Amino acid sequence: MKNSNLEEQKYIRAKKKVKAIKGFYVHLTVYILVNLFLIISRAFSNGDFEDLWQWQTYNTAIFWGIGIVFHAFNVFGMNFLLGSNWEERKIKDIMDRDKKQYWE
């Protein structure tokens, strides 16, 4: 009975995680499509491409992008950038380099 309850809790946690990951990818897709539309429409609004070099063209993408980064950290954690065992790999790499320099 206890094992069944534990498995059900694991299933519920996994389902919530999958829902969060799916939500992030939907958010990312909407971000890309909306910002592509905004940038392209702004570029072709005057018939010339001078508007591509103005701040107003990219401010939505930049600030919304900051929100996307925080959403990614919320869903994937800090391991999103460096990997789950980055510190251990980096320590081993530095120790290996130090050992080679010491003996050479």
PDB file of N, CA and C in Angstrom:
ATOM      1  N   MET A   1       0.811  -1.195   0.000  1.00  0.00           N
ATOM      2  CA  MET A   1       0.000   0.000   0.000  1.00  0.00           C
ATOM      3  C   MET A   1       0.859   1.265   0.000  1.00  0.00           C
ATOM      4  N   LYS A   2       1.920   1.243   0.809  1.00  0.00           N
ATOM      5  CA  LYS A   2       2.795   2.408   0.904  1.00  0.00           C
ATOM      6  C   LYS A   2       3.550   2.627  -0.409  1.00  0.00           C
ATOM      7  N   ASN A   3       3.981   1.539  -1.021  1.00  0.00           N
ATOM      8  CA  ASN A   3       4.708   1.619  -2.278  1.00  0.00           C
ATOM      9  C   ASN A   3       3.830   2.199  -3.383  1.00  0.00           C
ATOM     10  N   SER A   4       2.567   1.848  -3.387  1.00  0.00           N
ATOM     11  CA  SER A   4       1.632   2.373  -4.377  1.00  0.00           C
ATOM     12  C   SER A   4       1.455   3.875  -4.224  1.00  0.00           C
ATOM     13  N   ASN A   5       1.373   4.344  -2.992  1.00  0.00           N
ATOM     14  CA  ASN A   5       1.227   5.770  -2.719  1.00  0.00           C
ATOM     15  C   ASN A   5       2.487   6.529  -3.148  1.00  0.00           C
ATOM     16  N   LEU A   6       3.653   5.951  -2.898  1.00  0.00           N
ATOM     17  CA  LEU A   6       4.914   6.562  -3.297  1.00  0.00           C
ATOM     18  C   LEU A   6       5.015   6.671  -4.813  1.00  0.00           C
ATOM     19  N   GLU A   7       4.619   5.625  -5.498  1.00  0.00           N
ATOM     20  CA  GLU A   7       4.639   5.647  -6.965  1.00  0.00           C
ATOM     21  C   GLU A   7       3.675   6.693  -7.511  1.00  0.00           C
ATOM     22  N   GLU A   8       2.527   6.827  -6.878  1.00  0.00           N
ATOM     23  CA  GLU A   8       1.554   7.823  -7.323  1.00  0.00           C
ATOM     24  C   GLU A   8       2.095   9.236  -7.115  1.00  0.00           C
ATOM     25  N   GLN A   9       2.780   9.464  -6.017  1.00  0.00           N
ATOM     26  CA  GLN A   9       3.383  10.780  -5.772  1.00  0.00           C
ATOM     27  C   GLN A   9       4.477  11.076  -6.797  1.00  0.00           C
ATOM     28  N   LYS A  10       5.277  10.068  -7.120  1.00  0.00           N
ATOM     29  CA  LYS A  10       6.311  10.251  -8.143  1.00  0.00           C
ATOM     30  C   LYS A  10       5.684  10.579  -9.490  1.00  0.00           C
ATOM     31  N   TYR A  11       4.593   9.894  -9.801  1.00  0.00           N
ATOM     32  CA  TYR A  11       3.893  10.144 -11.065  1.00  0.00           C
ATOM     33  C   TYR A  11       3.351  11.572 -11.104  1.00  0.00           C
ATOM     34  N   ILE A  12       2.769  12.032 -10.014  1.00  0.00           N
ATOM     35  CA  ILE A  12       2.210  13.393  -9.962  1.00  0.00           C
ATOM     36  C   ILE A  12       3.328  14.420 -10.124  1.00  0.00           C
ATOM     37  N   ARG A  13       4.467  14.227  -9.453  1.00  0.00           N
ATOM     38  CA  ARG A  13       5.598  15.155  -9.594  1.00  0.00           C
ATOM     39  C   ARG A  13       6.120  15.169 -11.020  1.00  0.00           C
ATOM     40  N   ALA A  14       6.249  13.991 -11.616  1.00  0.00           N
ATOM     41  CA  ALA A  14       6.744  13.900 -12.998  1.00  0.00           C
ATOM     42  C   ALA A  14       5.776  14.572 -13.960  1.00  0.00           C
ATOM     43  N   LYS A  15       4.491  14.385 -13.726  1.00  0.00           N
ATOM     44  CA  LYS A  15       3.487  15.005 -14.588  1.00  0.00           C
ATOM     45  C   LYS A  15       3.547  16.530 -14.488  1.00  0.00           C
ATOM     46  N   LYS A  16       3.732  17.055 -13.276  1.00  0.00           N
ATOM     47  CA  LYS A  16       3.865  18.509 -13.091  1.00  0.00           C
ATOM     48  C   LYS A  16       5.114  19.032 -13.788  1.00  0.00           C
ATOM     49  N   LYS A  17       6.215  18.280 -13.706  1.00  0.00           N
ATOM     50  CA  LYS A  17       7.456  18.697 -14.354  1.00  0.00           C
ATOM     51  C   LYS A  17       7.291  18.730 -15.867  1.00  0.00           C
ATOM     52  N   VAL A  18       6.657  17.706 -16.430  1.00  0.00           N
ATOM     53  CA  VAL A  18       6.422  17.665 -17.878  1.00  0.00           C
ATOM     54  C   VAL A  18       5.521  18.814 -18.301  1.00  0.00           C
ATOM     55  N   LYS A  19       4.514  19.114 -17.500  1.00  0.00           N
ATOM     56  CA  LYS A  19       3.621  20.237 -17.807  1.00  0.00           C
ATOM     57  C   LYS A  19       4.387  21.558 -17.770  1.00  0.00           C
ATOM     58  N   ALA A  20       5.303  21.709 -16.811  1.00  0.00           N
ATOM     59  CA  ALA A  20       6.106  22.929 -16.729  1.00  0.00           C
ATOM     60  C   ALA A  20       7.040  23.053 -17.930  1.00  0.00           C
ATOM     61  N   ILE A  21       7.657  21.946 -18.336  1.00  0.00           N
ATOM     62  CA  ILE A  21       8.550  21.966 -19.506  1.00  0.00           C
ATOM     63  C   ILE A  21       7.768  22.300 -20.769  1.00  0.00           C
ATOM     64  N   LYS A  22       6.598  21.695 -20.913  1.00  0.00           N
ATOM     65  CA  LYS A  22       5.750  21.979 -22.074  1.00  0.00           C
ATOM     66  C   LYS A  22       5.339  23.448 -22.078  1.00  0.00           C
ATOM     67  N   GLY A  23       4.995  23.984 -20.919  1.00  0.00           N
ATOM     68  CA  GLY A  23       4.633  25.400 -20.815  1.00  0.00           C
ATOM     69  C   GLY A  23       5.771  26.310 -21.216  1.00  0.00           C
ATOM     70  N   PHE A  24       6.999  25.942 -20.824  1.00  0.00           N
ATOM     71  CA  PHE A  24       8.149  26.746 -21.214  1.00  0.00           C
ATOM     72  C   PHE A  24       8.337  26.745 -22.721  1.00  0.00           C
ATOM     73  N   TYR A  25       8.224  25.580 -23.353  1.00  0.00           N
ATOM     74  CA  TYR A  25       8.417  25.513 -24.802  1.00  0.00           C
ATOM     75  C   TYR A  25       7.311  26.241 -25.561  1.00  0.00           C
ATOM     76  N   VAL A  26       6.114  26.214 -25.044  1.00  0.00           N
ATOM     77  CA  VAL A  26       5.028  26.990 -25.662  1.00  0.00           C
ATOM     78  C   VAL A  26       5.346  28.487 -25.533  1.00  0.00           C
ATOM     79  N   HIS A  27       5.783  28.902 -24.344  1.00  0.00           N
ATOM     80  CA  HIS A  27       6.147  30.299 -24.105  1.00  0.00           C
ATOM     81  C   HIS A  27       7.284  30.724 -25.037  1.00  0.00           C
ATOM     82  N   LEU A  28       8.282  29.875 -25.190  1.00  0.00           N
ATOM     83  CA  LEU A  28       9.409  30.182 -26.072  1.00  0.00           C
ATOM     84  C   LEU A  28       8.964  30.294 -27.532  1.00  0.00           C
ATOM     85  N   THR A  29       8.081  29.408 -27.967  1.00  0.00           N
ATOM     86  CA  THR A  29       7.582  29.444 -29.344  1.00  0.00           C
ATOM     87  C   THR A  29       6.797  30.729 -29.601  1.00  0.00           C
ATOM     88  N   VAL A  30       5.931  31.099 -28.669  1.00  0.00           N
ATOM     89  CA  VAL A  30       5.160  32.339 -28.822  1.00  0.00           C
ATOM     90  C   VAL A  30       6.099  33.537 -28.840  1.00  0.00           C
ATOM     91  N   TYR A  31       7.108  33.534 -27.982  1.00  0.00           N
ATOM     92  CA  TYR A  31       8.103  34.610 -27.943  1.00  0.00           C
ATOM     93  C   TYR A  31       8.777  34.786 -29.300  1.00  0.00           C
ATOM     94  N   ILE A  32       9.226  33.681 -29.871  1.00  0.00           N
ATOM     95  CA  ILE A  32       9.924  33.749 -31.155  1.00  0.00           C
ATOM     96  C   ILE A  32       8.996  34.241 -32.259  1.00  0.00           C
ATOM     97  N   LEU A  33       7.803  33.685 -32.345  1.00  0.00           N
ATOM     98  CA  LEU A  33       6.878  34.068 -33.418  1.00  0.00           C
ATOM     99  C   LEU A  33       6.439  35.521 -33.309  1.00  0.00           C
ATOM    100  N   VAL A  34       6.081  35.949 -32.111  1.00  0.00           N
ATOM    101  CA  VAL A  34       5.613  37.333 -31.931  1.00  0.00           C
ATOM    102  C   VAL A  34       6.733  38.315 -32.216  1.00  0.00           C
ATOM    103  N   ASN A  35       7.929  38.040 -31.711  1.00  0.00           N
ATOM    104  CA  ASN A  35       9.021  38.988 -31.930  1.00  0.00           C
ATOM    105  C   ASN A  35       9.495  38.998 -33.377  1.00  0.00           C
ATOM    106  N   LEU A  36       9.468  37.860 -34.052  1.00  0.00           N
ATOM    107  CA  LEU A  36       9.765  37.872 -35.487  1.00  0.00           C
ATOM    108  C   LEU A  36       8.759  38.737 -36.237  1.00  0.00           C
ATOM    109  N   PHE A  37       7.484  38.570 -35.905  1.00  0.00           N
ATOM    110  CA  PHE A  37       6.453  39.377 -36.551  1.00  0.00           C
ATOM    111  C   PHE A  37       6.672  40.868 -36.276  1.00  0.00           C
ATOM    112  N   LEU A  38       6.947  41.226 -35.026  1.00  0.00           N
ATOM    113  CA  LEU A  38       7.145  42.638 -34.681  1.00  0.00           C
ATOM    114  C   LEU A  38       8.354  43.233 -35.396  1.00  0.00           C
ATOM    115  N   ILE A  39       9.446  42.498 -35.433  1.00  0.00           N
ATOM    116  CA  ILE A  39      10.660  43.023 -36.065  1.00  0.00           C
ATOM    117  C   ILE A  39      10.493  43.117 -37.569  1.00  0.00           C
ATOM    118  N   ILE A  40       9.903  42.108 -38.187  1.00  0.00           N
ATOM    119  CA  ILE A  40       9.708  42.133 -39.638  1.00  0.00           C
ATOM    120  C   ILE A  40       8.713  43.221 -40.033  1.00  0.00           C
ATOM    121  N   SER A  41       7.627  43.350 -39.283  1.00  0.00           N
ATOM    122  CA  SER A  41       6.643  44.386 -39.623  1.00  0.00           C
ATOM    123  C   SER A  41       7.227  45.779 -39.440  1.00  0.00           C
ATOM    124  N   ARG A  42       8.060  45.966 -38.448  1.00  0.00           N
ATOM    125  CA  ARG A  42       8.698  47.272 -38.245  1.00  0.00           C
ATOM    126  C   ARG A  42       9.703  47.563 -39.356  1.00  0.00           C
ATOM    127  N   ALA A  43      10.388  46.527 -39.829  1.00  0.00           N
ATOM    128  CA  ALA A  43      11.382  46.719 -40.884  1.00  0.00           C
ATOM    129  C   ALA A  43      10.724  47.131 -42.197  1.00  0.00           C
ATOM    130  N   PHE A  44       9.556  46.580 -42.479  1.00  0.00           N
ATOM    131  CA  PHE A  44       8.894  46.871 -43.744  1.00  0.00           C
ATOM    132  C   PHE A  44       7.852  47.985 -43.639  1.00  0.00           C
ATOM    133  N   SER A  45       7.726  48.614 -42.495  1.00  0.00           N
ATOM    134  CA  SER A  45       6.683  49.629 -42.324  1.00  0.00           C
ATOM    135  C   SER A  45       6.947  50.884 -43.145  1.00  0.00           C
ATOM    136  N   ASN A  46       8.197  51.285 -43.293  1.00  0.00           N
ATOM    137  CA  ASN A  46       8.519  52.502 -44.038  1.00  0.00           C
ATOM    138  C   ASN A  46       9.049  52.222 -45.434  1.00  0.00           C
ATOM    139  N   GLY A  47       9.283  50.996 -45.746  1.00  0.00           N
ATOM    140  CA  GLY A  47       9.843  50.665 -47.046  1.00  0.00           C
ATOM    141  C   GLY A  47      11.357  50.646 -47.046  1.00  0.00           C
ATOM    142  N   ASP A  48      11.974  51.148 -45.983  1.00  0.00           N
ATOM    143  CA  ASP A  48      13.427  51.057 -45.854  1.00  0.00           C
ATOM    144  C   ASP A  48      13.755  50.315 -44.560  1.00  0.00           C
ATOM    145  N   PHE A  49      15.000  49.976 -44.397  1.00  0.00           N
ATOM    146  CA  PHE A  49      15.387  49.151 -43.260  1.00  0.00           C
ATOM    147  C   PHE A  49      16.088  49.950 -42.166  1.00  0.00           C
ATOM    148  N   GLU A  50      15.894  51.251 -42.132  1.00  0.00           N
ATOM    149  CA  GLU A  50      16.536  52.084 -41.113  1.00  0.00           C
ATOM    150  C   GLU A  50      15.972  51.801 -39.725  1.00  0.00           C
ATOM    151  N   ASP A  51      14.719  51.378 -39.656  1.00  0.00           N
ATOM    152  CA  ASP A  51      14.113  51.102 -38.351  1.00  0.00           C
ATOM    153  C   ASP A  51      14.728  49.885 -37.664  1.00  0.00           C
ATOM    154  N   LEU A  52      15.449  49.045 -38.397  1.00  0.00           N
ATOM    155  CA  LEU A  52      16.071  47.879 -37.782  1.00  0.00           C
ATOM    156  C   LEU A  52      17.158  48.248 -36.787  1.00  0.00           C
ATOM    157  N   TRP A  53      17.690  49.445 -36.867  1.00  0.00           N
ATOM    158  CA  TRP A  53      18.791  49.850 -36.014  1.00  0.00           C
ATOM    159  C   TRP A  53      18.330  50.751 -34.873  1.00  0.00           C
ATOM    160  N   GLN A  54      17.049  50.781 -34.609  1.00  0.00           N
ATOM    161  CA  GLN A  54      16.534  51.608 -33.521  1.00  0.00           C
ATOM    162  C   GLN A  54      16.177  50.742 -32.318  1.00  0.00           C
ATOM    163  N   TRP A  55      16.272  51.330 -31.137  1.00  0.00           N
ATOM    164  CA  TRP A  55      15.986  50.647 -29.880  1.00  0.00           C
ATOM    165  C   TRP A  55      14.556  50.120 -29.833  1.00  0.00           C
ATOM    166  N   GLN A  56      13.614  50.868 -30.337  1.00  0.00           N
ATOM    167  CA  GLN A  56      12.204  50.489 -30.263  1.00  0.00           C
ATOM    168  C   GLN A  56      11.922  49.174 -30.989  1.00  0.00           C
ATOM    169  N   THR A  57      12.770  48.831 -31.935  1.00  0.00           N
ATOM    170  CA  THR A  57      12.568  47.601 -32.684  1.00  0.00           C
ATOM    171  C   THR A  57      12.818  46.370 -31.809  1.00  0.00           C
ATOM    172  N   TYR A  58      13.730  46.467 -30.882  1.00  0.00           N
ATOM    173  CA  TYR A  58      14.154  45.293 -30.117  1.00  0.00           C
ATOM    174  C   TYR A  58      13.803  45.323 -28.642  1.00  0.00           C
ATOM    175  N   ASN A  59      13.223  46.408 -28.136  1.00  0.00           N
ATOM    176  CA  ASN A  59      12.992  46.481 -26.693  1.00  0.00           C
ATOM    177  C   ASN A  59      12.022  45.409 -26.192  1.00  0.00           C
ATOM    178  N   THR A  60      11.005  45.075 -26.954  1.00  0.00           N
ATOM    179  CA  THR A  60      10.078  44.017 -26.539  1.00  0.00           C
ATOM    180  C   THR A  60      10.801  42.680 -26.465  1.00  0.00           C
ATOM    181  N   ALA A  61      11.611  42.385 -27.470  1.00  0.00           N
ATOM    182  CA  ALA A  61      12.343  41.114 -27.481  1.00  0.00           C
ATOM    183  C   ALA A  61      13.322  41.029 -26.316  1.00  0.00           C
ATOM    184  N   ILE A  62      13.975  42.124 -25.990  1.00  0.00           N
ATOM    185  CA  ILE A  62      14.964  42.114 -24.908  1.00  0.00           C
ATOM    186  C   ILE A  62      14.290  41.893 -23.553  1.00  0.00           C
ATOM    187  N   PHE A  63      13.261  42.687 -23.250  1.00  0.00           N
ATOM    188  CA  PHE A  63      12.632  42.566 -21.936  1.00  0.00           C
ATOM    189  C   PHE A  63      11.849  41.259 -21.799  1.00  0.00           C
ATOM    190  N   TRP A  64      11.187  40.853 -22.843  1.00  0.00           N
ATOM    191  CA  TRP A  64      10.482  39.571 -22.810  1.00  0.00           C
ATOM    192  C   TRP A  64      11.494  38.431 -22.730  1.00  0.00           C
ATOM    193  N   GLY A  65      12.636  38.594 -23.384  1.00  0.00           N
ATOM    194  CA  GLY A  65      13.705  37.601 -23.322  1.00  0.00           C
ATOM    195  C   GLY A  65      14.228  37.414 -21.910  1.00  0.00           C
ATOM    196  N   ILE A  66      14.316  38.491 -21.152  1.00  0.00           N
ATOM    197  CA  ILE A  66      14.710  38.389 -19.744  1.00  0.00           C
ATOM    198  C   ILE A  66      13.698  37.523 -18.994  1.00  0.00           C
ATOM    199  N   GLY A  67      12.423  37.726 -19.284  1.00  0.00           N
ATOM    200  CA  GLY A  67      11.390  36.896 -18.670  1.00  0.00           C
ATOM    201  C   GLY A  67      11.514  35.436 -19.080  1.00  0.00           C
ATOM    202  N   ILE A  68      11.882  35.180 -20.330  1.00  0.00           N
ATOM    203  CA  ILE A  68      12.082  33.809 -20.812  1.00  0.00           C
ATOM    204  C   ILE A  68      13.238  33.145 -20.057  1.00  0.00           C
ATOM    205  N   VAL A  69      14.304  33.885 -19.819  1.00  0.00           N
ATOM    206  CA  VAL A  69      15.452  33.336 -19.086  1.00  0.00           C
ATOM    207  C   VAL A  69      15.035  32.947 -17.671  1.00  0.00           C
ATOM    208  N   PHE A  70      14.272  33.814 -16.988  1.00  0.00           N
ATOM    209  CA  PHE A  70      13.803  33.480 -15.648  1.00  0.00           C
ATOM    210  C   PHE A  70      12.854  32.289 -15.669  1.00  0.00           C
ATOM    211  N   HIS A  71      12.027  32.207 -16.699  1.00  0.00           N
ATOM    212  CA  HIS A  71      11.134  31.059 -16.832  1.00  0.00           C
ATOM    213  C   HIS A  71      11.956  29.776 -17.007  1.00  0.00           C
ATOM    214  N   ALA A  72      13.021  29.840 -17.799  1.00  0.00           N
ATOM    215  CA  ALA A  72      13.886  28.677 -18.003  1.00  0.00           C
ATOM    216  C   ALA A  72      14.548  28.258 -16.692  1.00  0.00           C
ATOM    217  N   PHE A  73      15.041  29.231 -15.911  1.00  0.00           N
ATOM    218  CA  PHE A  73      15.645  28.904 -14.618  1.00  0.00           C
ATOM    219  C   PHE A  73      14.625  28.272 -13.684  1.00  0.00           C
ATOM    220  N   ASN A  74      13.390  28.745 -13.741  1.00  0.00           N
ATOM    221  CA  ASN A  74      12.341  28.196 -12.893  1.00  0.00           C
ATOM    222  C   ASN A  74      12.022  26.757 -13.270  1.00  0.00           C
ATOM    223  N   VAL A  75      12.009  26.460 -14.554  1.00  0.00           N
ATOM    224  CA  VAL A  75      11.652  25.122 -15.016  1.00  0.00           C
ATOM    225  C   VAL A  75      12.833  24.155 -14.931  1.00  0.00           C
ATOM    226  N   PHE A  76      14.003  24.576 -15.404  1.00  0.00           N
ATOM    227  CA  PHE A  76      15.143  23.675 -15.511  1.00  0.00           C
ATOM    228  C   PHE A  76      16.150  23.828 -14.382  1.00  0.00           C
ATOM    229  N   GLY A  77      16.100  24.899 -13.624  1.00  0.00           N
ATOM    230  CA  GLY A  77      17.072  25.152 -12.567  1.00  0.00           C
ATOM    231  C   GLY A  77      18.366  25.699 -13.141  1.00  0.00           C
ATOM    232  N   MET A  78      19.338  25.884 -12.286  1.00  0.00           N
ATOM    233  CA  MET A  78      20.624  26.425 -12.724  1.00  0.00           C
ATOM    234  C   MET A  78      21.404  25.432 -13.579  1.00  0.00           C
ATOM    235  N   ASN A  79      21.049  24.159 -13.525  1.00  0.00           N
ATOM    236  CA  ASN A  79      21.726  23.162 -14.350  1.00  0.00           C
ATOM    237  C   ASN A  79      21.482  23.385 -15.827  1.00  0.00           C
ATOM    238  N   PHE A  80      20.535  24.256 -16.149  1.00  0.00           N
ATOM    239  CA  PHE A  80      20.188  24.558 -17.531  1.00  0.00           C
ATOM    240  C   PHE A  80      21.409  25.092 -18.290  1.00  0.00           C
ATOM    241  N   LEU A  81      22.230  25.898 -17.645  1.00  0.00           N
ATOM    242  CA  LEU A  81      23.378  26.499 -18.316  1.00  0.00           C
ATOM    243  C   LEU A  81      24.647  25.658 -18.219  1.00  0.00           C
ATOM    244  N   LEU A  82      24.937  25.166 -17.038  1.00  0.00           N
ATOM    245  CA  LEU A  82      26.231  24.540 -16.819  1.00  0.00           C
ATOM    246  C   LEU A  82      26.187  23.024 -16.773  1.00  0.00           C
ATOM    247  N   GLY A  83      25.042  22.443 -16.670  1.00  0.00           N
ATOM    248  CA  GLY A  83      24.941  20.993 -16.566  1.00  0.00           C
ATOM    249  C   GLY A  83      24.883  20.571 -15.106  1.00  0.00           C
ATOM    250  N   SER A  84      24.484  19.344 -14.877  1.00  0.00           N
ATOM    251  CA  SER A  84      24.257  18.890 -13.509  1.00  0.00           C
ATOM    252  C   SER A  84      25.545  18.661 -12.737  1.00  0.00           C
ATOM    253  N   ASN A  85      26.607  18.244 -13.384  1.00  0.00           N
ATOM    254  CA  ASN A  85      27.848  17.973 -12.661  1.00  0.00           C
ATOM    255  C   ASN A  85      28.987  18.837 -13.183  1.00  0.00           C
ATOM    256  N   TRP A  86      28.698  20.069 -13.523  1.00  0.00           N
ATOM    257  CA  TRP A  86      29.696  20.969 -14.086  1.00  0.00           C
ATOM    258  C   TRP A  86      30.832  21.228 -13.110  1.00  0.00           C
ATOM    259  N   GLU A  87      30.504  21.462 -11.841  1.00  0.00           N
ATOM    260  CA  GLU A  87      31.542  21.772 -10.859  1.00  0.00           C
ATOM    261  C   GLU A  87      32.532  20.620 -10.723  1.00  0.00           C
ATOM    262  N   GLU A  88      32.028  19.393 -10.632  1.00  0.00           N
ATOM    263  CA  GLU A  88      32.914  18.248 -10.488  1.00  0.00           C
ATOM    264  C   GLU A  88      33.805  18.075 -11.711  1.00  0.00           C
ATOM    265  N   ARG A  89      33.237  18.253 -12.902  1.00  0.00           N
ATOM    266  CA  ARG A  89      34.032  18.128 -14.129  1.00  0.00           C
ATOM    267  C   ARG A  89      35.101  19.208 -14.196  1.00  0.00           C
ATOM    268  N   LYS A  90      34.753  20.430 -13.809  1.00  0.00           N
ATOM    269  CA  LYS A  90      35.697  21.541 -13.860  1.00  0.00           C
ATOM    270  C   LYS A  90      36.822  21.339 -12.843  1.00  0.00           C
ATOM    271  N   ILE A  91      36.500  20.870 -11.643  1.00  0.00           N
ATOM    272  CA  ILE A  91      37.526  20.605 -10.635  1.00  0.00           C
ATOM    273  C   ILE A  91      38.493  19.540 -11.137  1.00  0.00           C
ATOM    274  N   LYS A  92      37.948  18.467 -11.717  1.00  0.00           N
ATOM    275  CA  LYS A  92      38.800  17.392 -12.243  1.00  0.00           C
ATOM    276  C   LYS A  92      39.676  17.911 -13.372  1.00  0.00           C
ATOM    277  N   ASP A  93      39.116  18.741 -14.240  1.00  0.00           N
ATOM    278  CA  ASP A  93      39.877  19.308 -15.354  1.00  0.00           C
ATOM    279  C   ASP A  93      41.028  20.168 -14.845  1.00  0.00           C
ATOM    280  N   ILE A  94      40.769  21.010 -13.860  1.00  0.00           N
ATOM    281  CA  ILE A  94      41.816  21.886 -13.314  1.00  0.00           C
ATOM    282  C   ILE A  94      42.886  21.061 -12.613  1.00  0.00           C
ATOM    283  N   MET A  95      42.454  20.041 -11.866  1.00  0.00           N
ATOM    284  CA  MET A  95      43.428  19.174 -11.192  1.00  0.00           C
ATOM    285  C   MET A  95      44.294  18.436 -12.206  1.00  0.00           C
ATOM    286  N   ASP A  96      43.700  17.972 -13.305  1.00  0.00           N
ATOM    287  CA  ASP A  96      44.470  17.282 -14.345  1.00  0.00           C
ATOM    288  C   ASP A  96      45.476  18.217 -15.003  1.00  0.00           C
ATOM    289  N   ARG A  97      45.060  19.456 -15.265  1.00  0.00           N
ATOM    290  CA  ARG A  97      45.982  20.424 -15.860  1.00  0.00           C
ATOM    291  C   ARG A  97      47.112  20.761 -14.904  1.00  0.00           C
ATOM    292  N   ASP A  98      46.782  20.924 -13.614  1.00  0.00           N
ATOM    293  CA  ASP A  98      47.820  21.218 -12.633  1.00  0.00           C
ATOM    294  C   ASP A  98      48.814  20.067 -12.513  1.00  0.00           C
ATOM    295  N   LYS A  99      48.312  18.832 -12.575  1.00  0.00           N
ATOM    296  CA  LYS A  99      49.183  17.662 -12.487  1.00  0.00           C
ATOM    297  C   LYS A  99      50.122  17.620 -13.684  1.00  0.00           C
ATOM    298  N   LYS A 100      49.619  17.912 -14.881  1.00  0.00           N
ATOM    299  CA  LYS A 100      50.470  17.901 -16.076  1.00  0.00           C
ATOM    300  C   LYS A 100      51.528  18.984 -16.003  1.00  0.00           C
ATOM    301  N   GLN A 101      51.161  20.174 -15.529  1.00  0.00           N
ATOM    302  CA  GLN A 101      52.121  21.267 -15.436  1.00  0.00           C
ATOM    303  C   GLN A 101      53.175  20.969 -14.374  1.00  0.00           C
ATOM    304  N   TYR A 102      52.774  20.312 -13.300  1.00  0.00           N
ATOM    305  CA  TYR A 102      53.713  20.002 -12.223  1.00  0.00           C
ATOM    306  C   TYR A 102      54.775  19.014 -12.680  1.00  0.00           C
ATOM    307  N   TRP A 103      54.359  18.031 -13.487  1.00  0.00           N
ATOM    308  CA  TRP A 103      55.296  16.991 -13.903  1.00  0.00           C
ATOM    309  C   TRP A 103      56.052  17.346 -15.167  1.00  0.00           C
ATOM    310  N   GLU A 104      55.668  18.353 -15.864  1.00  0.00           N
ATOM    311  CA  GLU A 104      56.367  18.696 -17.113  1.00  0.00           C
ATOM    312  C   GLU A 104      57.440  19.708 -16.903  1.00  0.00           C
TER     313      GLU A 104
END
